[in-house]
Amino acid sequence: MQNHNLGASPASAHSARQLEQRLRETLKPGKLEVLDESADHAGHVGANGTGFGTHFRVRISSPLFTGKTRVACHRLVYDSLQVFIAQGVHAIAIETESPPPIPNLN
């Protein structure tokens, strides 16, 4: 039987908190939610057998997204989390939104 556990080893699994901290530092989000959905992917390629640290969902709004396409916003998130991807994070589902425009007070 072939082993398809290609994700992070349990010792190197990352937490949603670590990803959240990195995104707060790099993208200064107004809204941010990072969910570890690894347990939902147990047995799939990229899972590490622990049920955490390999599959995440990021919901984020950042002023840096203003005027950018969805693809450009996703690229900013991926670029911010590259160190985690290089260390075994297998999947990141990203939901972005630009902050609402500042109302004109004139």
Foldseek 3Di string as FASTA:
>chain_A
DDDQQQFAAPVLADAQVVLVVLCCVQFVFPDKDKDWQQLVQPPHRLRRNPSGRAEMEMETEGQVCPPHDPVVVVVSSCVSCVVSVVNGRHYYHYHYDYDDDDDDPD
